Amino acid sequence: MKLKSLYKYMPHYEGSFFDNFLLRATERSDLNDPFEFLPPKDFFEGVVELASANSDIEWVKNITYDDFRKSFYLFHGVISFSETRSNLLMWSHYAQRHTGVVIEFDLQNEFFQTVKRVRYDNFRPINVDVRELDNLFFIKSDEWIYEKEYRIVKQKKDHDYYMSKSDMVLHPAKKSAIHSHEGALEMYFFKVPKECVKSVTFGMDMDIKIKDLIINKIKSDQELAHVKLWNAKLSKEYYLIEFEEIVNI
């Protein structure tokens, strides 16, 4: 059956998502997996061989694989989602230990037209064709398979807002070029249409004041009148998370 929704686990951030509707495109240096976006060595060797045969560019003579991998895909970030909202580990790792939220998004919305499922494997890719480099965004070790991840890849230059890690203040998009390097100093955000938000599920350990704050933000916005609200709770019989819809608010 074709998926109709994807889910985003996130800390509550005191409901700031419902003020700006921004999602971060995370760069490789801030992702948990050290294998993210790593170009295969055979691909690096092929690039060097091709460049050496066709030019006298000095960098070709001195570049190392380590230099090459650090500069690879520096101008991209990924927005990650899951096909499930009921994963205990995801709630713990990405939703502030069950004090955050999970937001459900409508896959039919144009924002998701480039979303792709992550493929999990035991083996790293080899003999990668230059025309297939984008596939490296969507390959991970099968140790991450529990995440059931889907991704949207974004070029950072197309961002709507950015935030400096030094002051954590949100700014409108830069007009100047983005000079990226390993260990990014800024975070880049993309605006999500309100109409693609389908539901919000509150973590079972969320502070009631934060929950009420978020509910008030949603209920006071006519463009979010369609959004359903849920509470996560522990199953009495199984090691499972169950959901109870919040009604009559």
Protein backbone atom coordinates (compact mmCIF):
# COMPACT_ATOMS: atom_id res chain seq x y z
CA MET A 1 0.00 0.00 0.00
CA LYS A 2 1.34 3.40 -0.97
CA LEU A 3 2.27 5.63 1.95
CA LYS A 4 0.08 8.67 2.50
CA SER A 5 1.95 10.16 5.48
CA LEU A 6 5.42 10.56 6.89
CA TYR A 7 6.35 11.50 10.45
CA LYS A 8 8.92 13.87 11.92
CA TYR A 9 10.17 13.28 15.47
CA MET A 10 11.40 16.46 17.13
CA PRO A 11 12.01 18.15 20.50
CA HIS A 12 9.19 20.47 21.48
CA TYR A 13 11.24 23.72 21.20
CA GLU A 14 8.33 25.29 23.12
CA GLY A 15 6.23 24.95 19.99
CA SER A 16 8.42 27.17 17.81
CA PHE A 17 7.69 24.97 14.77
CA PHE A 18 4.11 26.32 14.88
CA ASP A 19 5.43 29.88 14.72
CA ASN A 20 7.54 29.49 11.59
CA PHE A 21 6.87 26.02 10.06
CA LEU A 22 10.54 25.45 9.31
CA LEU A 23 12.41 22.17 8.96
CA ARG A 24 16.17 21.95 9.05
CA ALA A 25 18.18 20.37 6.25
CA THR A 26 20.94 18.75 8.29
CA GLU A 27 24.49 18.60 6.95
CA ARG A 28 26.71 15.55 7.08
CA SER A 29 28.84 16.96 9.90
CA ASP A 30 25.77 17.15 12.17
CA LEU A 31 24.34 13.71 11.37
CA ASN A 32 24.79 10.77 13.74
CA ASP A 33 26.23 8.30 11.23
CA PRO A 34 29.94 8.78 10.34
CA PHE A 35 29.36 6.94 7.05
CA GLU A 36 26.94 9.58 5.75
CA PHE A 37 27.65 10.83 2.20
CA LEU A 38 31.10 9.23 2.06
CA PRO A 39 32.26 8.80 -1.55
CA PRO A 40 33.78 5.35 -2.26
CA LYS A 41 37.56 5.32 -2.60
CA ASP A 42 37.35 3.85 -6.08
CA PHE A 43 35.28 6.85 -7.14
CA PHE A 44 37.88 9.24 -5.68
CA GLU A 45 40.66 7.43 -7.50
CA GLY A 46 38.69 7.64 -10.76
CA VAL A 47 38.18 11.40 -10.35
CA VAL A 48 41.88 11.95 -9.71
CA GLU A 49 42.86 9.77 -12.66
CA LEU A 50 40.46 11.58 -14.99
CA ALA A 51 41.53 15.03 -13.79
CA SER A 52 45.22 14.16 -14.05
CA ALA A 53 44.80 12.97 -17.62
CA ASN A 54 42.95 16.07 -18.74
CA SER A 55 44.56 18.97 -16.88
CA ASP A 56 47.59 20.27 -15.06
CA ILE A 57 45.57 21.51 -12.09
CA GLU A 58 47.80 21.53 -9.03
CA TRP A 59 45.19 20.23 -6.57
CA VAL A 60 45.07 16.91 -8.42
CA LYS A 61 48.70 16.24 -7.54
CA ASN A 62 48.29 16.85 -3.82
CA ILE A 63 44.72 15.94 -2.88
CA THR A 64 44.15 13.04 -0.49
CA TYR A 65 41.05 10.93 -0.03
CA ASP A 66 40.53 12.57 3.36
CA ASP A 67 40.53 16.03 1.74
CA PHE A 68 38.14 14.82 -0.93
CA ARG A 69 35.63 13.22 1.44
CA LYS A 70 35.52 16.34 3.67
CA SER A 71 34.57 18.51 0.72
CA PHE A 72 32.05 16.05 -0.69
CA TYR A 73 28.39 17.17 -0.59
CA LEU A 74 29.17 20.17 1.62
CA PHE A 75 26.48 22.19 -0.09
CA HIS A 76 23.67 19.76 0.69
CA GLY A 77 21.56 18.78 3.67
CA VAL A 78 18.83 16.24 4.33
CA ILE A 79 15.40 16.54 5.94
CA SER A 80 14.58 13.20 7.54
CA PHE A 81 11.24 11.54 8.22
CA SER A 82 10.00 8.14 9.32
CA GLU A 83 7.11 6.01 8.09
CA THR A 84 6.05 5.31 11.68
CA ARG A 85 5.25 7.33 14.80
CA SER A 86 5.36 4.40 17.21
CA ASN A 87 9.07 3.59 17.49
CA LEU A 88 10.32 3.67 21.09
CA LEU A 89 13.93 4.38 20.10
CA MET A 90 12.96 7.22 17.80
CA TRP A 91 10.89 8.83 20.54
CA SER A 92 13.86 8.57 22.87
CA HIS A 93 16.58 9.70 20.45
CA TYR A 94 14.85 12.38 18.38
CA ALA A 95 11.86 13.55 20.44
CA GLN A 96 13.65 14.59 23.59
CA ARG A 97 13.12 11.32 25.47
CA HIS A 98 9.35 11.28 25.01
CA THR A 99 8.96 14.95 25.98
CA GLY A 100 8.78 16.14 22.37
CA VAL A 101 6.33 15.69 19.50
CA VAL A 102 5.82 13.76 16.30
CA ILE A 103 4.33 15.71 13.40
CA GLU A 104 2.49 13.90 10.62
CA PHE A 105 2.86 15.29 7.09
CA ASP A 106 0.78 14.72 3.98
CA LEU A 107 2.89 13.06 1.30
CA GLN A 108 0.58 14.36 -1.43
CA ASN A 109 1.83 17.89 -0.85
CA GLU A 110 4.26 19.31 -3.42
CA PHE A 111 6.88 19.81 -0.69
CA PHE A 112 7.39 16.04 -0.70
CA GLN A 113 7.72 15.49 -4.44
CA THR A 114 11.42 14.58 -4.15
CA VAL A 115 11.21 12.44 -1.00
CA LYS A 116 12.89 9.02 -1.26
CA ARG A 117 13.13 5.98 0.97
CA VAL A 118 16.50 5.17 2.55
CA ARG A 119 17.96 1.78 1.58
CA TYR A 120 19.74 -0.22 4.27
CA ASP A 121 22.59 -2.64 3.59
CA ASN A 122 25.52 -4.45 5.18
CA PHE A 123 27.92 -3.38 2.44
CA ARG A 124 29.11 0.06 1.43
CA PRO A 125 28.56 0.96 -2.25
CA ILE A 126 31.43 0.47 -4.68
CA ASN A 127 31.90 1.28 -8.36
CA VAL A 128 29.58 4.27 -8.08
CA ASP A 129 28.79 5.91 -11.40
CA VAL A 130 29.10 9.70 -11.38
CA ARG A 131 25.48 9.85 -12.61
CA GLU A 132 24.36 7.99 -9.50
CA LEU A 133 26.09 10.08 -6.85
CA ASP A 134 22.80 11.33 -5.42
CA ASN A 135 22.05 7.75 -4.36
CA LEU A 136 24.68 8.10 -1.64
CA PHE A 137 22.22 10.29 0.24
CA PHE A 138 19.88 7.32 0.52
CA ILE A 139 22.15 4.42 1.57
CA LYS A 140 22.86 3.55 5.20
CA SER A 141 24.03 0.63 7.33
CA ASP A 142 21.26 -1.79 8.23
CA GLU A 143 21.94 -0.99 11.90
CA TRP A 144 19.72 2.05 11.26
CA ILE A 145 16.87 0.08 9.73
CA TYR A 146 14.60 0.62 12.74
CA GLU A 147 14.30 4.30 11.73
CA LYS A 148 12.38 3.42 8.53
CA GLU A 149 13.73 6.66 7.15
CA TYR A 150 12.73 8.76 4.17
CA ARG A 151 14.67 11.83 3.06
CA ILE A 152 14.40 15.03 1.11
CA VAL A 153 17.76 16.35 -0.13
CA LYS A 154 18.08 20.12 -0.28
CA GLN A 155 20.79 22.44 -1.57
CA LYS A 156 21.59 24.84 1.23
CA LYS A 157 21.64 27.80 -1.15
CA ASP A 158 17.87 27.38 -1.61
CA HIS A 159 17.12 27.85 2.11
CA ASP A 160 14.34 30.10 3.40
CA TYR A 161 15.98 30.93 6.75
CA TYR A 162 19.26 30.25 8.48
CA MET A 163 20.50 30.29 12.06
CA SER A 164 24.00 30.91 13.31
CA LYS A 165 25.13 28.41 15.93
CA SER A 166 26.89 31.23 17.78
CA ASP A 167 23.71 33.17 18.63
CA MET A 168 20.88 30.76 17.65
CA VAL A 169 18.91 33.62 16.08
CA LEU A 170 16.78 32.96 13.01
CA HIS A 171 17.52 35.14 9.97
CA PRO A 172 15.90 35.43 6.51
CA ALA A 173 17.68 33.69 3.66
CA LYS A 174 21.14 34.88 2.71
CA LYS A 175 21.56 36.58 -0.62
CA SER A 176 25.31 36.03 -0.63
CA ALA A 177 27.03 32.74 -1.43
CA ILE A 178 27.27 30.07 1.24
CA HIS A 179 30.87 29.15 2.01
CA SER A 180 30.62 25.69 3.48
CA HIS A 181 33.22 23.65 5.30
CA GLU A 182 33.40 20.59 7.53
CA GLY A 183 31.81 21.45 10.87
CA ALA A 184 29.18 23.94 9.72
CA LEU A 185 28.69 27.14 11.72
CA GLU A 186 25.15 27.71 10.49
CA MET A 187 21.92 25.75 10.14
CA TYR A 188 19.64 26.04 7.11
CA PHE A 189 15.85 25.80 7.18
CA PHE A 190 13.06 25.28 4.65
CA LYS A 191 9.46 26.40 5.04
CA VAL A 192 6.75 23.72 5.03
CA PRO A 193 3.22 24.59 3.84
CA LYS A 194 0.74 24.56 6.72
CA GLU A 195 -1.72 22.49 4.74
CA CYS A 196 0.59 19.46 4.70
CA VAL A 197 0.55 19.17 8.52
CA LYS A 198 -1.98 16.40 9.27
CA SER A 199 -1.55 15.68 12.98
CA VAL A 200 0.57 16.28 16.07
CA THR A 201 1.30 13.56 18.63
CA PHE A 202 2.52 14.63 22.07
CA GLY A 203 5.11 12.58 23.92
CA MET A 204 3.89 10.75 27.00
CA ASP A 205 6.28 12.72 29.25
CA MET A 206 5.69 16.16 27.77
CA ASP A 207 5.27 19.00 30.25
CA ILE A 208 1.58 19.88 30.42
CA LYS A 209 2.35 23.61 30.13
CA ILE A 210 4.29 23.07 26.91
CA LYS A 211 1.51 20.85 25.56
CA ASP A 212 -1.12 23.50 26.31
CA LEU A 213 1.08 26.15 24.68
CA ILE A 214 1.35 24.13 21.46
CA ILE A 215 -2.35 23.26 21.43
CA ASN A 216 -3.24 26.94 21.80
CA LYS A 217 -0.97 27.86 18.89
CA ILE A 218 -2.64 25.25 16.69
CA LYS A 219 -6.19 26.08 17.73
CA SER A 220 -5.67 29.81 17.22
CA ASP A 221 -4.58 29.33 13.60
CA GLN A 222 -7.50 28.83 11.19
CA GLU A 223 -5.15 27.32 8.61
CA LEU A 224 -4.52 24.46 11.05
CA ALA A 225 -8.18 23.70 11.77
CA HIS A 226 -7.79 20.32 10.04
CA VAL A 227 -4.90 19.15 12.29
CA LYS A 228 -5.67 16.23 14.60
CA LEU A 229 -4.10 15.98 18.05
CA TRP A 230 -2.97 12.80 19.79
CA ASN A 231 -1.42 11.72 23.07
CA ALA A 232 1.15 8.92 23.13
CA LYS A 233 0.81 6.45 25.98
CA LEU A 234 2.24 3.12 27.11
CA SER A 235 0.40 -0.09 26.27
CA LYS A 236 -0.80 -1.99 29.32
CA GLU A 237 -0.06 -5.36 27.70
CA TYR A 238 2.90 -4.95 25.35
CA TYR A 239 6.14 -3.02 24.97
CA LEU A 240 4.36 -0.68 22.59
CA ILE A 241 3.31 2.94 22.31
CA GLU A 242 -0.39 3.51 21.77
CA PHE A 243 -2.23 6.67 20.75
CA GLU A 244 -5.33 8.40 22.00
CA GLU A 245 -6.94 11.22 20.06
CA ILE A 246 -7.50 14.50 21.90
CA VAL A 247 -11.07 15.68 21.33
CA ASN A 248 -13.45 18.31 22.66
CA ILE A 249 -10.78 20.92 23.35
